[in-house]
Amino acid sequence: MTEQAKPLKRDPYLKAVSRDHHHGLLLCWKIREGFKRNIALQRIKRYTDWFWDTHLTDHFAIEEKYIFPILGNEHELVKKALSEHRRLKRLFSDDTEVWRSLNLIEEELDRHIRFEERVLFNEVQKIATAQQLALVDKHHNQHTHCDDWEDEFWIDTASSNGK
């Protein structure tokens, strides 16, 4: 008999950042659905560009300015996360090899989020003070609205030639 993994208990001050991660995982799912449905790459790319500009750039900035310094930028887990942020930024900005970049975004963003949720944030929570976590919460003052996109290609049953 195998034990079922217990849900991770997230500090209340980090819950909003974790909700962002949930939306990032949904982005990965939407990319996969777009591929499965043979949606035109530019439709998917327009959405990922919007998601990057509207959500991920701010999310990465909050992590880099308020969460990672709790462990220190020389910590091996933080170095890994920063490296992944740089890699993802390059993938999101690539307009030349769109199919390849979207595939890599889907894989690498999913892996990155799971690393932060399962490993990095747990280490942060072990040593963070209440004041440090409150500062994260204070600067994560936006509500994520990831459903504000008019072209829901991931549920599109029409041909890939639309929009």
N, C-alpha and C. Protein backbone atom coordinates (compact mmCIF):
# COMPACT_ATOMS: atom_id res chain seq x y z
N MET A 1 0.85 -1.18 0.00
CA MET A 1 0.00 0.00 0.00
C MET A 1 0.90 1.24 0.00
N THR A 2 0.60 2.17 -0.85
CA THR A 2 1.38 3.41 -0.89
C THR A 2 0.63 4.51 -0.17
N GLU A 3 1.41 5.35 0.47
CA GLU A 3 0.80 6.48 1.16
C GLU A 3 0.48 7.57 0.17
N GLN A 4 -0.65 8.18 0.34
CA GLN A 4 -1.01 9.30 -0.52
C GLN A 4 -0.35 10.56 0.02
N ALA A 5 0.21 11.34 -0.90
CA ALA A 5 0.89 12.57 -0.48
C ALA A 5 -0.10 13.52 0.16
N LYS A 6 0.33 14.10 1.27
CA LYS A 6 -0.52 15.07 1.95
C LYS A 6 -0.42 16.41 1.24
N PRO A 7 -1.50 17.15 1.17
CA PRO A 7 -1.43 18.47 0.54
C PRO A 7 -0.44 19.36 1.29
N LEU A 8 0.28 20.17 0.54
CA LEU A 8 1.22 21.09 1.14
C LEU A 8 0.48 22.20 1.85
N LYS A 9 0.91 22.50 3.05
CA LYS A 9 0.30 23.62 3.77
C LYS A 9 1.08 24.87 3.41
N ARG A 10 0.40 25.79 2.80
CA ARG A 10 1.05 27.02 2.35
C ARG A 10 0.76 28.12 3.36
N ASP A 11 1.78 28.86 3.71
CA ASP A 11 1.61 30.00 4.59
C ASP A 11 0.57 30.94 3.99
N PRO A 12 -0.34 31.48 4.79
CA PRO A 12 -1.38 32.36 4.25
C PRO A 12 -0.83 33.53 3.43
N TYR A 13 0.34 34.03 3.79
CA TYR A 13 0.92 35.14 3.05
C TYR A 13 1.45 34.73 1.68
N LEU A 14 1.65 33.45 1.46
CA LEU A 14 2.13 32.97 0.17
C LEU A 14 1.02 32.38 -0.69
N LYS A 15 -0.18 32.34 -0.17
CA LYS A 15 -1.27 31.71 -0.92
C LYS A 15 -1.58 32.42 -2.24
N ALA A 16 -1.50 33.74 -2.26
CA ALA A 16 -1.78 34.45 -3.51
C ALA A 16 -0.74 34.11 -4.57
N VAL A 17 0.51 33.98 -4.17
CA VAL A 17 1.56 33.61 -5.11
C VAL A 17 1.34 32.17 -5.59
N SER A 18 0.90 31.30 -4.70
CA SER A 18 0.58 29.93 -5.09
C SER A 18 -0.61 29.88 -6.04
N ARG A 19 -1.57 30.78 -5.86
CA ARG A 19 -2.69 30.85 -6.81
C ARG A 19 -2.18 31.23 -8.20
N ASP A 20 -1.20 32.13 -8.25
CA ASP A 20 -0.57 32.45 -9.53
C ASP A 20 0.00 31.19 -10.17
N HIS A 21 0.60 30.35 -9.35
CA HIS A 21 1.16 29.10 -9.86
C HIS A 21 0.07 28.22 -10.45
N HIS A 22 -1.07 28.19 -9.80
CA HIS A 22 -2.19 27.42 -10.34
C HIS A 22 -2.56 27.94 -11.74
N HIS A 23 -2.60 29.25 -11.89
CA HIS A 23 -2.92 29.83 -13.21
C HIS A 23 -1.82 29.51 -14.22
N GLY A 24 -0.58 29.46 -13.78
CA GLY A 24 0.51 29.07 -14.66
C GLY A 24 0.37 27.63 -15.13
N LEU A 25 -0.05 26.75 -14.23
CA LEU A 25 -0.30 25.35 -14.63
C LEU A 25 -1.45 25.27 -15.60
N LEU A 26 -2.46 26.12 -15.42
CA LEU A 26 -3.56 26.17 -16.39
C LEU A 26 -3.07 26.64 -17.76
N LEU A 27 -2.14 27.59 -17.77
CA LEU A 27 -1.55 28.02 -19.03
C LEU A 27 -0.92 26.83 -19.75
N CYS A 28 -0.17 26.02 -19.03
CA CYS A 28 0.47 24.84 -19.62
C CYS A 28 -0.59 23.90 -20.19
N TRP A 29 -1.66 23.70 -19.46
CA TRP A 29 -2.75 22.85 -19.93
C TRP A 29 -3.38 23.43 -21.20
N LYS A 30 -3.57 24.75 -21.23
CA LYS A 30 -4.17 25.40 -22.40
C LYS A 30 -3.29 25.26 -23.63
N ILE A 31 -1.99 25.35 -23.44
CA ILE A 31 -1.08 25.13 -24.57
C ILE A 31 -1.23 23.69 -25.08
N ARG A 32 -1.24 22.72 -24.17
CA ARG A 32 -1.41 21.31 -24.57
C ARG A 32 -2.73 21.11 -25.31
N GLU A 33 -3.79 21.72 -24.79
CA GLU A 33 -5.10 21.60 -25.46
C GLU A 33 -5.06 22.24 -26.85
N GLY A 34 -4.40 23.37 -26.97
CA GLY A 34 -4.27 24.02 -28.27
C GLY A 34 -3.58 23.12 -29.26
N PHE A 35 -2.52 22.45 -28.84
CA PHE A 35 -1.82 21.51 -29.72
C PHE A 35 -2.72 20.33 -30.09
N LYS A 36 -3.40 19.78 -29.10
CA LYS A 36 -4.28 18.64 -29.36
C LYS A 36 -5.37 18.99 -30.37
N ARG A 37 -5.85 20.21 -30.33
CA ARG A 37 -6.94 20.65 -31.19
C ARG A 37 -6.46 21.26 -32.51
N ASN A 38 -5.16 21.19 -32.74
CA ASN A 38 -4.56 21.75 -33.96
C ASN A 38 -4.88 23.22 -34.15
N ILE A 39 -4.84 23.96 -33.07
CA ILE A 39 -5.10 25.41 -33.12
C ILE A 39 -3.91 26.10 -33.77
N ALA A 40 -4.17 27.11 -34.56
CA ALA A 40 -3.10 27.88 -35.20
C ALA A 40 -2.13 28.39 -34.13
N LEU A 41 -0.84 28.22 -34.38
CA LEU A 41 0.18 28.60 -33.40
C LEU A 41 0.07 30.06 -32.98
N GLN A 42 -0.26 30.94 -33.91
CA GLN A 42 -0.33 32.36 -33.57
C GLN A 42 -1.45 32.66 -32.57
N ARG A 43 -2.51 31.88 -32.59
CA ARG A 43 -3.57 32.07 -31.58
C ARG A 43 -3.05 31.72 -30.20
N ILE A 44 -2.33 30.62 -30.10
CA ILE A 44 -1.76 30.21 -28.83
C ILE A 44 -0.70 31.22 -28.39
N LYS A 45 0.13 31.65 -29.33
CA LYS A 45 1.22 32.60 -29.03
C LYS A 45 0.65 33.93 -28.55
N ARG A 46 -0.43 34.40 -29.16
CA ARG A 46 -1.04 35.65 -28.70
C ARG A 46 -1.46 35.53 -27.24
N TYR A 47 -2.03 34.39 -26.87
CA TYR A 47 -2.44 34.18 -25.49
C TYR A 47 -1.23 34.12 -24.55
N THR A 48 -0.21 33.37 -24.94
CA THR A 48 0.96 33.26 -24.05
C THR A 48 1.66 34.62 -23.92
N ASP A 49 1.68 35.41 -24.98
CA ASP A 49 2.26 36.76 -24.89
C ASP A 49 1.46 37.61 -23.90
N TRP A 50 0.14 37.55 -23.99
CA TRP A 50 -0.73 38.31 -23.08
C TRP A 50 -0.50 37.83 -21.64
N PHE A 51 -0.45 36.51 -21.45
CA PHE A 51 -0.27 35.95 -20.12
C PHE A 51 1.07 36.40 -19.53
N TRP A 52 2.11 36.37 -20.35
CA TRP A 52 3.43 36.81 -19.90
C TRP A 52 3.36 38.28 -19.46
N ASP A 53 2.83 39.14 -20.33
CA ASP A 53 2.80 40.58 -20.05
C ASP A 53 1.89 40.92 -18.88
N THR A 54 0.78 40.24 -18.77
CA THR A 54 -0.24 40.57 -17.78
C THR A 54 0.00 39.92 -16.42
N HIS A 55 0.63 38.77 -16.41
CA HIS A 55 0.74 38.01 -15.16
C HIS A 55 2.15 37.60 -14.77
N LEU A 56 2.84 36.96 -15.67
CA LEU A 56 4.11 36.34 -15.27
C LEU A 56 5.23 37.33 -14.98
N THR A 57 5.30 38.43 -15.73
CA THR A 57 6.39 39.38 -15.45
C THR A 57 6.28 39.92 -14.03
N ASP A 58 5.08 40.28 -13.60
CA ASP A 58 4.89 40.76 -12.23
C ASP A 58 5.14 39.66 -11.21
N HIS A 59 4.67 38.47 -11.53
CA HIS A 59 4.86 37.33 -10.62
C HIS A 59 6.35 37.05 -10.41
N PHE A 60 7.11 36.99 -11.49
CA PHE A 60 8.54 36.75 -11.38
C PHE A 60 9.21 37.87 -10.57
N ALA A 61 8.79 39.10 -10.82
CA ALA A 61 9.39 40.24 -10.11
C ALA A 61 9.15 40.14 -8.60
N ILE A 62 7.96 39.75 -8.20
CA ILE A 62 7.64 39.60 -6.78
C ILE A 62 8.50 38.50 -6.16
N GLU A 63 8.60 37.38 -6.86
CA GLU A 63 9.43 36.30 -6.33
C GLU A 63 10.88 36.75 -6.18
N GLU A 64 11.39 37.41 -7.22
CA GLU A 64 12.81 37.79 -7.22
C GLU A 64 13.12 38.89 -6.21
N LYS A 65 12.18 39.78 -5.97
CA LYS A 65 12.44 40.90 -5.06
C LYS A 65 12.11 40.58 -3.60
N TYR A 66 11.08 39.76 -3.37
CA TYR A 66 10.60 39.58 -2.00
C TYR A 66 10.69 38.15 -1.46
N ILE A 67 10.66 37.14 -2.33
CA ILE A 67 10.67 35.76 -1.84
C ILE A 67 12.08 35.17 -1.87
N PHE A 68 12.75 35.24 -3.00
CA PHE A 68 14.08 34.63 -3.12
C PHE A 68 15.09 35.20 -2.13
N PRO A 69 15.09 36.51 -1.88
CA PRO A 69 16.06 37.05 -0.92
C PRO A 69 15.93 36.47 0.51
N ILE A 70 14.78 35.89 0.82
CA ILE A 70 14.62 35.27 2.14
C ILE A 70 15.67 34.16 2.31
N LEU A 71 15.89 33.38 1.26
CA LEU A 71 16.92 32.34 1.30
C LEU A 71 18.29 32.90 0.92
N GLY A 72 18.29 33.97 0.13
CA GLY A 72 19.54 34.56 -0.35
C GLY A 72 19.79 34.17 -1.79
N ASN A 73 20.23 35.13 -2.58
CA ASN A 73 20.41 34.88 -4.01
C ASN A 73 21.56 33.93 -4.32
N GLU A 74 22.36 33.58 -3.31
CA GLU A 74 23.44 32.60 -3.51
C GLU A 74 23.01 31.18 -3.14
N HIS A 75 21.80 31.03 -2.62
CA HIS A 75 21.29 29.71 -2.26
C HIS A 75 21.08 28.90 -3.54
N GLU A 76 21.42 27.62 -3.51
CA GLU A 76 21.34 26.79 -4.71
C GLU A 76 19.92 26.73 -5.29
N LEU A 77 18.91 26.68 -4.45
CA LEU A 77 17.53 26.63 -4.94
C LEU A 77 17.13 27.95 -5.61
N VAL A 78 17.59 29.05 -5.06
CA VAL A 78 17.30 30.36 -5.64
C VAL A 78 18.04 30.51 -6.97
N LYS A 79 19.27 30.07 -7.01
CA LYS A 79 20.02 30.12 -8.27
C LYS A 79 19.30 29.33 -9.36
N LYS A 80 18.80 28.18 -9.00
CA LYS A 80 18.05 27.35 -9.96
C LYS A 80 16.80 28.09 -10.42
N ALA A 81 16.05 28.65 -9.50
CA ALA A 81 14.81 29.37 -9.86
C ALA A 81 15.11 30.56 -10.75
N LEU A 82 16.15 31.33 -10.42
CA LEU A 82 16.52 32.49 -11.24
C LEU A 82 16.93 32.07 -12.64
N SER A 83 17.66 30.99 -12.74
CA SER A 83 18.07 30.46 -14.04
C SER A 83 16.84 30.06 -14.85
N GLU A 84 15.89 29.43 -14.20
CA GLU A 84 14.65 29.02 -14.88
C GLU A 84 13.84 30.24 -15.30
N HIS A 85 13.81 31.27 -14.48
CA HIS A 85 13.12 32.52 -14.86
C HIS A 85 13.73 33.10 -16.13
N ARG A 86 15.06 33.15 -16.18
CA ARG A 86 15.74 33.69 -17.37
C ARG A 86 15.40 32.85 -18.61
N ARG A 87 15.44 31.56 -18.46
CA ARG A 87 15.13 30.64 -19.57
C ARG A 87 13.69 30.84 -20.04
N LEU A 88 12.76 30.91 -19.12
CA LEU A 88 11.35 31.10 -19.49
C LEU A 88 11.14 32.44 -20.17
N LYS A 89 11.81 33.47 -19.68
CA LYS A 89 11.69 34.79 -20.32
C LYS A 89 12.14 34.71 -21.78
N ARG A 90 13.23 34.03 -22.04
CA ARG A 90 13.70 33.88 -23.43
C ARG A 90 12.68 33.11 -24.26
N LEU A 91 12.11 32.06 -23.69
CA LEU A 91 11.14 31.26 -24.44
C LEU A 91 9.89 32.07 -24.77
N PHE A 92 9.40 32.83 -23.81
CA PHE A 92 8.20 33.64 -24.05
C PHE A 92 8.46 34.72 -25.09
N SER A 93 9.68 35.23 -25.17
CA SER A 93 9.97 36.33 -26.10
C SER A 93 10.38 35.83 -27.49
N ASP A 94 10.52 34.54 -27.67
CA ASP A 94 10.94 33.99 -28.96
C ASP A 94 9.79 34.05 -29.97
N ASP A 95 10.02 34.78 -31.04
CA ASP A 95 9.03 34.88 -32.12
C ASP A 95 9.47 34.14 -33.37
N THR A 96 10.61 33.50 -33.33
CA THR A 96 11.12 32.85 -34.54
C THR A 96 10.80 31.36 -34.60
N GLU A 97 10.90 30.67 -33.48
CA GLU A 97 10.60 29.24 -33.43
C GLU A 97 9.42 29.02 -32.49
N VAL A 98 8.26 29.48 -32.91
CA VAL A 98 7.08 29.53 -32.03
C VAL A 98 6.67 28.14 -31.56
N TRP A 99 6.58 27.18 -32.46
CA TRP A 99 6.13 25.84 -32.07
C TRP A 99 7.07 25.27 -31.01
N ARG A 100 8.38 25.36 -31.25
CA ARG A 100 9.38 24.84 -30.31
C ARG A 100 9.27 25.57 -28.97
N SER A 101 9.17 26.89 -29.01
CA SER A 101 9.10 27.67 -27.77
C SER A 101 7.85 27.35 -26.97
N LEU A 102 6.72 27.23 -27.63
CA LEU A 102 5.49 26.89 -26.92
C LEU A 102 5.59 25.52 -26.26
N ASN A 103 6.16 24.56 -26.98
CA ASN A 103 6.36 23.23 -26.40
C ASN A 103 7.24 23.30 -25.17
N LEU A 104 8.32 24.05 -25.26
CA LEU A 104 9.24 24.16 -24.13
C LEU A 104 8.63 24.95 -22.98
N ILE A 105 7.84 25.98 -23.29
CA ILE A 105 7.15 26.72 -22.22
C ILE A 105 6.24 25.77 -21.45
N GLU A 106 5.47 25.00 -22.19
CA GLU A 106 4.53 24.07 -21.55
C GLU A 106 5.26 23.12 -20.62
N GLU A 107 6.38 22.56 -21.05
CA GLU A 107 7.12 21.61 -20.23
C GLU A 107 7.87 22.29 -19.08
N GLU A 108 8.60 23.35 -19.41
CA GLU A 108 9.50 23.96 -18.43
C GLU A 108 8.76 24.80 -17.39
N LEU A 109 7.69 25.48 -17.79
CA LEU A 109 6.91 26.25 -16.81
C LEU A 109 6.24 25.30 -15.82
N ASP A 110 5.69 24.20 -16.32
CA ASP A 110 5.07 23.21 -15.45
C ASP A 110 6.09 22.69 -14.43
N ARG A 111 7.26 22.30 -14.90
CA ARG A 111 8.32 21.77 -14.02
C ARG A 111 8.79 22.84 -13.03
N HIS A 112 8.93 24.08 -13.51
CA HIS A 112 9.38 25.18 -12.66
C HIS A 112 8.38 25.45 -11.52
N ILE A 113 7.12 25.51 -11.85
CA ILE A 113 6.09 25.77 -10.84
C ILE A 113 6.09 24.67 -9.78
N ARG A 114 6.16 23.44 -10.23
CA ARG A 114 6.15 22.32 -9.27
C ARG A 114 7.39 22.35 -8.38
N PHE A 115 8.54 22.74 -8.94
CA PHE A 115 9.75 22.91 -8.14
C PHE A 115 9.56 24.00 -7.08
N GLU A 116 9.03 25.14 -7.48
CA GLU A 116 8.83 26.22 -6.52
C GLU A 116 7.85 25.82 -5.43
N GLU A 117 6.74 25.20 -5.81
CA GLU A 117 5.72 24.82 -4.83
C GLU A 117 6.18 23.71 -3.90
N ARG A 118 6.84 22.71 -4.44
CA ARG A 118 7.19 21.52 -3.65
C ARG A 118 8.52 21.64 -2.91
N VAL A 119 9.43 22.45 -3.43
CA VAL A 119 10.77 22.51 -2.85
C VAL A 119 11.10 23.91 -2.34
N LEU A 120 11.15 24.87 -3.23
CA LEU A 120 11.64 26.21 -2.88
C LEU A 120 10.78 26.88 -1.82
N PHE A 121 9.47 26.93 -2.03
CA PHE A 121 8.60 27.61 -1.07
C PHE A 121 8.62 26.92 0.30
N ASN A 122 8.78 25.61 0.31
CA ASN A 122 8.87 24.92 1.60
C ASN A 122 10.11 25.36 2.36
N GLU A 123 11.22 25.54 1.65
CA GLU A 123 12.45 26.01 2.29
C GLU A 123 12.28 27.46 2.77
N VAL A 124 11.63 28.28 1.96
CA VAL A 124 11.38 29.67 2.35
C VAL A 124 10.55 29.71 3.62
N GLN A 125 9.50 28.92 3.66
CA GLN A 125 8.61 28.92 4.83
C GLN A 125 9.32 28.48 6.11
N LYS A 126 10.34 27.65 5.99
CA LYS A 126 11.07 27.17 7.17
C LYS A 126 11.81 28.30 7.87
N ILE A 127 12.30 29.29 7.11
CA ILE A 127 13.15 30.31 7.73
C ILE A 127 12.57 31.73 7.69
N ALA A 128 11.51 31.94 6.93
CA ALA A 128 10.97 33.29 6.77
C ALA A 128 10.35 33.79 8.07
N THR A 129 10.54 35.07 8.31
CA THR A 129 9.87 35.70 9.45
C THR A 129 8.47 36.13 9.02
N ALA A 130 7.63 36.40 9.98
CA ALA A 130 6.28 36.88 9.69
C ALA A 130 6.34 38.19 8.92
N GLN A 131 7.32 39.03 9.25
CA GLN A 131 7.46 40.33 8.57
C GLN A 131 7.84 40.13 7.10
N GLN A 132 8.74 39.19 6.82
CA GLN A 132 9.13 38.93 5.44
C GLN A 132 7.95 38.42 4.62
N LEU A 133 7.17 37.53 5.20
CA LEU A 133 6.02 36.98 4.48
C LEU A 133 4.93 38.04 4.31
N ALA A 134 4.76 38.89 5.29
CA ALA A 134 3.79 39.98 5.17
C ALA A 134 4.20 40.94 4.05
N LEU A 135 5.47 41.14 3.88
CA LEU A 135 5.97 42.00 2.81
C LEU A 135 5.66 41.40 1.43
N VAL A 136 5.78 40.09 1.30
CA VAL A 136 5.40 39.41 0.06
C VAL A 136 3.92 39.69 -0.22
N ASP A 137 3.10 39.47 0.78
CA ASP A 137 1.65 39.65 0.63
C ASP A 137 1.32 41.10 0.27
N LYS A 138 1.99 42.03 0.91
CA LYS A 138 1.74 43.46 0.66
C LYS A 138 2.02 43.83 -0.79
N HIS A 139 3.06 43.25 -1.37
CA HIS A 139 3.43 43.61 -2.73
C HIS A 139 2.75 42.75 -3.78
N HIS A 140 2.10 41.71 -3.35
CA HIS A 140 1.30 40.91 -4.28
C HIS A 140 -0.14 41.36 -4.11
N ASN A 141 -0.40 42.57 -4.56
CA ASN A 141 -1.70 43.20 -4.28
C ASN A 141 -2.68 43.12 -5.42
N GLN A 142 -2.40 42.29 -6.41
CA GLN A 142 -3.34 42.19 -7.52
C GLN A 142 -4.05 40.85 -7.49
N HIS A 143 -5.26 40.87 -7.96
CA HIS A 143 -6.00 39.63 -8.11
C HIS A 143 -5.79 39.15 -9.53
N THR A 144 -5.48 37.89 -9.65
CA THR A 144 -5.22 37.33 -10.96
C THR A 144 -6.52 37.08 -11.69
N HIS A 145 -6.62 37.64 -12.87
CA HIS A 145 -7.78 37.43 -13.74
C HIS A 145 -7.29 36.81 -15.03
N CYS A 146 -7.11 35.53 -15.02
CA CYS A 146 -6.56 34.85 -16.18
C CYS A 146 -7.63 34.39 -17.15
N ASP A 147 -8.86 34.71 -16.87
CA ASP A 147 -9.95 34.33 -17.76
C ASP A 147 -10.40 35.50 -18.62
N ASP A 148 -9.63 36.59 -18.61
CA ASP A 148 -10.00 37.79 -19.36
C ASP A 148 -9.52 37.73 -20.80
N TRP A 149 -9.55 36.59 -21.42
CA TRP A 149 -9.06 36.43 -22.78
C TRP A 149 -10.23 36.00 -23.65
N GLU A 150 -10.44 36.73 -24.73
CA GLU A 150 -11.63 36.50 -25.56
C GLU A 150 -11.54 35.26 -26.43
N ASP A 151 -10.35 34.81 -26.79
CA ASP A 151 -10.18 33.68 -27.70
C ASP A 151 -9.85 32.42 -26.91
N GLU A 152 -10.87 31.71 -26.49
CA GLU A 152 -10.68 30.52 -25.67
C GLU A 152 -10.40 29.31 -26.56
N PHE A 153 -9.25 29.33 -27.22
CA PHE A 153 -8.86 28.30 -28.18
C PHE A 153 -8.83 26.91 -27.54
N TRP A 154 -8.59 26.85 -26.23
CA TRP A 154 -8.48 25.57 -25.53
C TRP A 154 -9.80 24.85 -25.43
N ILE A 155 -10.91 25.54 -25.68
CA ILE A 155 -12.22 24.88 -25.72
C ILE A 155 -12.85 24.99 -27.09
N ASP A 156 -12.10 25.52 -28.04
CA ASP A 156 -12.58 25.75 -29.40
C ASP A 156 -12.87 24.43 -30.09
N THR A 157 -14.08 24.30 -30.61
CA THR A 157 -14.43 23.12 -31.37
C THR A 157 -14.45 23.42 -32.87
N ALA A 158 -14.22 24.67 -33.22
CA ALA A 158 -14.17 25.06 -34.63
C ALA A 158 -12.78 24.75 -35.19
N SER A 159 -12.62 25.03 -36.45
CA SER A 159 -11.33 24.76 -37.10
C SER A 159 -10.24 25.68 -36.57
N SER A 160 -9.01 25.31 -36.84
CA SER A 160 -7.87 26.09 -36.37
C SER A 160 -7.66 27.36 -37.20
N ASN A 161 -8.46 27.55 -38.22
CA ASN A 161 -8.28 28.72 -39.08
C ASN A 161 -8.97 29.96 -38.55
N GLY A 162 -9.75 29.83 -37.48
CA GLY A 162 -10.47 30.99 -36.93
C GLY A 162 -9.53 31.95 -36.24
N LYS A 163 -10.00 33.16 -36.04
CA LYS A 163 -9.34 34.24 -35.32
C LYS A 163 -7.87 34.29 -35.61
